[in-house]
N, C-alpha and C. Protein backbone atom coordinates (compact mmCIF):
# COMPACT_ATOMS: atom_id res chain seq x y z
N UNK A 1 80.37 117.68 274.04
CA UNK A 1 80.23 116.24 273.94
C UNK A 1 80.94 115.55 275.11
N UNK A 2 80.40 114.45 275.54
CA UNK A 2 80.98 113.68 276.62
C UNK A 2 82.09 112.79 276.07
N UNK A 3 83.18 112.76 276.78
CA UNK A 3 84.35 111.98 276.40
C UNK A 3 84.23 110.57 276.99
N UNK A 4 84.75 109.54 276.30
CA UNK A 4 84.70 108.17 276.84
C UNK A 4 85.30 108.07 278.25
N UNK A 5 86.30 108.90 278.54
CA UNK A 5 86.92 108.85 279.87
C UNK A 5 85.95 109.29 280.96
N UNK A 6 85.01 110.18 280.61
CA UNK A 6 83.97 110.55 281.56
C UNK A 6 83.07 109.35 281.87
N UNK A 7 82.78 108.58 280.84
CA UNK A 7 81.97 107.37 281.02
C UNK A 7 82.73 106.36 281.87
N UNK A 8 84.03 106.23 281.62
CA UNK A 8 84.85 105.30 282.41
C UNK A 8 84.76 105.67 283.88
N UNK A 9 84.98 106.94 284.19
CA UNK A 9 84.94 107.40 285.58
C UNK A 9 83.57 107.13 286.20
N UNK A 10 82.53 107.44 285.45
CA UNK A 10 81.15 107.26 285.93
C UNK A 10 80.87 105.78 286.23
N UNK A 11 81.23 104.90 285.31
CA UNK A 11 80.98 103.47 285.48
C UNK A 11 81.85 102.92 286.61
N UNK A 12 83.12 103.31 286.63
CA UNK A 12 84.05 102.84 287.67
C UNK A 12 83.55 103.22 289.05
N UNK A 13 83.12 104.47 289.20
CA UNK A 13 82.61 104.94 290.49
C UNK A 13 81.34 104.18 290.88
N UNK A 14 80.45 103.99 289.93
CA UNK A 14 79.19 103.29 290.19
C UNK A 14 79.45 101.86 290.67
N UNK A 15 80.49 101.22 290.10
CA UNK A 15 80.83 99.85 290.48
C UNK A 15 81.67 99.78 291.75
N UNK A 16 82.12 100.93 292.23
CA UNK A 16 82.95 100.96 293.44
C UNK A 16 84.36 100.45 293.22
N UNK A 17 84.86 100.62 292.01
CA UNK A 17 86.22 100.17 291.67
C UNK A 17 87.15 101.37 291.79
N UNK A 18 88.30 101.15 292.40
CA UNK A 18 89.25 102.25 292.59
C UNK A 18 90.11 102.47 291.35
N UNK A 19 90.63 103.67 291.24
CA UNK A 19 91.59 103.97 290.16
C UNK A 19 92.81 103.08 290.31
N UNK A 20 93.23 102.86 291.53
CA UNK A 20 94.41 102.03 291.78
C UNK A 20 94.22 100.61 291.27
N UNK A 21 93.02 100.06 291.45
CA UNK A 21 92.73 98.71 290.97
C UNK A 21 92.90 98.62 289.45
N UNK A 22 92.30 99.57 288.75
CA UNK A 22 92.40 99.56 287.29
C UNK A 22 93.84 99.81 286.86
N UNK A 23 94.51 100.74 287.53
CA UNK A 23 95.91 101.03 287.20
C UNK A 23 96.76 99.77 287.35
N UNK A 24 96.55 99.00 288.41
CA UNK A 24 97.29 97.76 288.61
C UNK A 24 97.03 96.77 287.47
N UNK A 25 95.78 96.66 287.05
CA UNK A 25 95.43 95.76 285.95
C UNK A 25 96.09 96.20 284.64
N UNK A 26 96.23 97.52 284.46
CA UNK A 26 96.86 98.07 283.26
C UNK A 26 98.38 98.11 283.36
N UNK A 27 98.87 97.78 284.57
CA UNK A 27 100.32 97.81 284.85
C UNK A 27 100.90 99.21 284.67
N UNK A 28 100.15 100.21 285.19
CA UNK A 28 100.60 101.59 285.21
C UNK A 28 100.37 102.14 286.61
N UNK A 29 100.90 103.31 286.89
CA UNK A 29 100.69 103.92 288.20
C UNK A 29 99.28 104.50 288.30
N UNK A 30 98.84 104.71 289.55
CA UNK A 30 97.54 105.32 289.76
C UNK A 30 97.52 106.73 289.20
N UNK A 31 98.66 107.43 289.29
CA UNK A 31 98.76 108.78 288.75
C UNK A 31 98.58 108.78 287.24
N UNK A 32 99.21 107.83 286.58
CA UNK A 32 99.08 107.72 285.12
C UNK A 32 97.63 107.42 284.74
N UNK A 33 96.99 106.54 285.53
CA UNK A 33 95.59 106.22 285.24
C UNK A 33 94.69 107.44 285.47
N UNK A 34 94.97 108.18 286.53
CA UNK A 34 94.19 109.39 286.81
C UNK A 34 94.27 110.37 285.65
N UNK A 35 95.44 110.46 285.03
CA UNK A 35 95.61 111.35 283.88
C UNK A 35 94.75 110.89 282.70
N UNK A 36 94.56 109.58 282.58
CA UNK A 36 93.68 109.05 281.52
C UNK A 36 92.25 109.53 281.79
N UNK A 37 91.76 109.30 283.01
CA UNK A 37 90.38 109.68 283.33
C UNK A 37 90.15 111.18 283.22
N UNK A 38 91.18 111.96 283.53
CA UNK A 38 91.05 113.41 283.49
C UNK A 38 91.43 114.00 282.13
N UNK A 39 91.62 113.13 281.15
CA UNK A 39 91.92 113.54 279.77
C UNK A 39 93.19 114.39 279.68
N UNK A 40 94.15 114.11 280.54
CA UNK A 40 95.42 114.82 280.51
C UNK A 40 96.44 114.08 279.65
N UNK A 41 96.06 112.91 279.19
CA UNK A 41 96.90 112.12 278.30
C UNK A 41 96.00 111.41 277.30
N UNK A 42 96.53 111.12 276.14
CA UNK A 42 95.73 110.41 275.13
C UNK A 42 95.60 108.95 275.54
N UNK A 43 94.48 108.37 275.17
CA UNK A 43 94.23 106.98 275.49
C UNK A 43 94.17 106.17 274.20
N UNK A 44 94.86 105.05 274.17
CA UNK A 44 94.87 104.19 272.99
C UNK A 44 93.61 103.33 272.97
N UNK A 45 93.22 102.90 271.78
CA UNK A 45 92.05 102.03 271.65
C UNK A 45 92.23 100.75 272.44
N UNK A 46 93.44 100.21 272.42
CA UNK A 46 93.72 98.98 273.15
C UNK A 46 93.47 99.17 274.63
N UNK A 47 93.88 100.33 275.16
CA UNK A 47 93.67 100.63 276.58
C UNK A 47 92.18 100.77 276.88
N UNK A 48 91.45 101.42 275.99
CA UNK A 48 90.00 101.52 276.17
C UNK A 48 89.36 100.14 276.23
N UNK A 49 89.81 99.26 275.37
CA UNK A 49 89.24 97.91 275.35
C UNK A 49 89.55 97.17 276.65
N UNK A 50 90.78 97.28 277.11
CA UNK A 50 91.16 96.60 278.35
C UNK A 50 90.35 97.15 279.52
N UNK A 51 90.19 98.47 279.57
CA UNK A 51 89.40 99.09 280.65
C UNK A 51 87.95 98.60 280.58
N UNK A 52 87.41 98.52 279.37
CA UNK A 52 86.02 98.04 279.25
C UNK A 52 85.91 96.60 279.75
N UNK A 53 86.95 95.80 279.52
CA UNK A 53 86.94 94.42 280.02
C UNK A 53 87.05 94.39 281.54
N UNK A 54 87.88 95.25 282.11
CA UNK A 54 88.00 95.32 283.57
C UNK A 54 86.66 95.72 284.19
N UNK A 55 86.00 96.69 283.57
CA UNK A 55 84.71 97.16 284.08
C UNK A 55 83.57 96.22 283.71
N UNK A 56 83.87 95.25 282.85
CA UNK A 56 82.89 94.27 282.37
C UNK A 56 81.71 94.95 281.67
N UNK A 57 82.05 95.91 280.79
CA UNK A 57 81.03 96.57 279.97
C UNK A 57 81.50 96.52 278.52
N UNK A 58 80.58 96.48 277.57
CA UNK A 58 80.97 96.52 276.17
C UNK A 58 81.69 97.84 275.85
N UNK A 59 82.68 97.76 274.99
CA UNK A 59 83.45 98.95 274.61
C UNK A 59 82.53 100.07 274.14
N UNK A 60 81.50 99.72 273.40
CA UNK A 60 80.58 100.73 272.86
C UNK A 60 79.91 101.53 273.97
N UNK A 61 79.76 100.95 275.15
CA UNK A 61 79.11 101.66 276.25
C UNK A 61 79.93 102.89 276.69
N UNK A 62 81.24 102.85 276.46
CA UNK A 62 82.08 103.99 276.81
C UNK A 62 81.81 105.17 275.89
N UNK A 63 81.23 104.90 274.73
CA UNK A 63 80.92 105.93 273.75
C UNK A 63 79.42 106.22 273.71
N UNK A 64 78.66 105.62 274.60
CA UNK A 64 77.21 105.69 274.54
C UNK A 64 76.67 107.12 274.51
N UNK A 65 77.17 107.98 275.35
CA UNK A 65 76.64 109.35 275.38
C UNK A 65 76.94 110.08 274.08
N UNK A 66 78.11 109.81 273.48
CA UNK A 66 78.43 110.44 272.19
C UNK A 66 77.47 109.95 271.11
N UNK A 67 77.18 108.65 271.12
CA UNK A 67 76.26 108.09 270.13
C UNK A 67 74.89 108.73 270.29
N UNK A 68 74.43 108.88 271.54
CA UNK A 68 73.12 109.50 271.78
C UNK A 68 73.11 110.94 271.28
N UNK A 69 74.22 111.67 271.51
CA UNK A 69 74.28 113.06 271.05
C UNK A 69 74.25 113.14 269.53
N UNK A 70 74.98 112.26 268.88
CA UNK A 70 75.00 112.25 267.41
C UNK A 70 73.61 111.92 266.88
N UNK A 71 72.96 110.91 267.46
CA UNK A 71 71.63 110.51 267.01
C UNK A 71 70.60 111.61 267.25
N UNK A 72 70.82 112.45 268.25
CA UNK A 72 69.86 113.51 268.53
C UNK A 72 69.82 114.56 267.43
N UNK A 73 70.84 114.58 266.59
CA UNK A 73 70.86 115.53 265.47
C UNK A 73 70.04 115.04 264.29
N UNK A 74 69.50 113.81 264.39
CA UNK A 74 68.71 113.21 263.32
C UNK A 74 69.46 113.24 261.99
N UNK A 75 70.66 112.73 262.04
CA UNK A 75 71.48 112.70 260.83
C UNK A 75 70.90 111.74 259.81
N UNK A 76 71.21 111.98 258.56
CA UNK A 76 70.77 111.11 257.48
C UNK A 76 71.42 109.74 257.64
N UNK A 77 70.69 108.70 257.36
CA UNK A 77 71.23 107.35 257.44
C UNK A 77 72.46 107.22 256.53
N UNK A 78 73.48 106.50 257.00
CA UNK A 78 74.68 106.35 256.17
C UNK A 78 74.38 105.56 254.90
N UNK A 79 75.14 105.84 253.87
CA UNK A 79 74.99 105.10 252.62
C UNK A 79 75.62 103.73 252.78
N UNK A 80 75.36 102.89 251.82
CA UNK A 80 75.93 101.55 251.80
C UNK A 80 77.46 101.63 251.84
N UNK A 81 78.03 102.51 251.04
CA UNK A 81 79.48 102.65 250.97
C UNK A 81 80.06 103.12 252.30
N UNK A 82 79.36 104.05 252.96
CA UNK A 82 79.82 104.53 254.26
C UNK A 82 79.76 103.42 255.31
N UNK A 83 78.73 102.62 255.24
CA UNK A 83 78.60 101.50 256.17
C UNK A 83 79.73 100.50 255.97
N UNK A 84 80.03 100.17 254.71
CA UNK A 84 81.13 99.25 254.41
C UNK A 84 82.45 99.82 254.91
N UNK A 85 82.68 101.10 254.70
CA UNK A 85 83.91 101.74 255.16
C UNK A 85 84.03 101.65 256.67
N UNK A 86 82.94 101.90 257.38
CA UNK A 86 82.96 101.81 258.85
C UNK A 86 83.22 100.38 259.31
N UNK A 87 82.62 99.41 258.63
CA UNK A 87 82.86 98.01 258.98
C UNK A 87 84.33 97.63 258.75
N UNK A 88 84.92 98.14 257.69
CA UNK A 88 86.34 97.88 257.42
C UNK A 88 87.20 98.46 258.54
N UNK A 89 86.85 99.64 259.02
CA UNK A 89 87.59 100.26 260.13
C UNK A 89 87.49 99.41 261.38
N UNK A 90 86.30 98.90 261.65
CA UNK A 90 86.11 98.05 262.83
C UNK A 90 86.93 96.78 262.72
N UNK A 91 86.90 96.15 261.56
CA UNK A 91 87.66 94.92 261.35
C UNK A 91 89.16 95.20 261.48
N UNK A 92 89.62 96.29 260.92
CA UNK A 92 91.02 96.66 261.02
C UNK A 92 91.42 96.86 262.48
N UNK A 93 90.57 97.53 263.25
CA UNK A 93 90.82 97.73 264.67
C UNK A 93 90.89 96.40 265.40
N UNK A 94 89.95 95.49 265.10
CA UNK A 94 89.93 94.20 265.76
C UNK A 94 91.19 93.39 265.44
N UNK A 95 91.67 93.48 264.20
CA UNK A 95 92.90 92.79 263.84
C UNK A 95 94.10 93.35 264.60
N UNK A 96 94.16 94.68 264.74
CA UNK A 96 95.23 95.31 265.51
C UNK A 96 95.15 94.89 266.98
N UNK A 97 93.93 94.79 267.48
CA UNK A 97 93.73 94.39 268.86
C UNK A 97 94.19 92.95 269.09
N UNK A 98 93.86 92.08 268.17
CA UNK A 98 94.30 90.68 268.27
C UNK A 98 95.82 90.62 268.29
N UNK A 99 96.47 91.37 267.41
CA UNK A 99 97.94 91.41 267.40
C UNK A 99 98.47 91.90 268.73
N UNK A 100 97.85 92.94 269.28
CA UNK A 100 98.27 93.50 270.57
C UNK A 100 98.15 92.46 271.68
N UNK A 101 97.03 91.75 271.72
CA UNK A 101 96.81 90.74 272.75
C UNK A 101 97.81 89.60 272.62
N UNK A 102 98.07 89.17 271.39
CA UNK A 102 99.04 88.11 271.17
C UNK A 102 100.42 88.53 271.62
N UNK A 103 100.81 89.76 271.30
CA UNK A 103 102.14 90.26 271.69
C UNK A 103 102.26 90.41 273.20
N UNK A 104 101.18 90.86 273.85
CA UNK A 104 101.20 91.07 275.30
C UNK A 104 101.27 89.74 276.05
N UNK A 105 100.59 88.75 275.53
CA UNK A 105 100.60 87.43 276.15
C UNK A 105 99.80 87.39 277.44
N UNK A 106 99.81 86.22 278.09
CA UNK A 106 99.02 86.05 279.32
C UNK A 106 99.61 86.81 280.50
């Protein structure tokens, strides 16, 4: 399966954006950012969101290849309860993200 960091690298390269540029926006070193792209360190959801904003792509696009791979298995449609559970997870993530943004400030 393709990792979101592979998508980040692919999109970043296509846009001609340097690792150093993104690292500066994230307020980390270029080396630390390189470790993110090379999957040598874990990446937080908040960091994924910020990177998607820097690249000006929807967060879901970083997971696009994984979604395509999952859909290729022709999995059974989720039940109503599973859909509600997934929506609750998304809302919970968005609330955590809002808290993170408020704490980080401008």
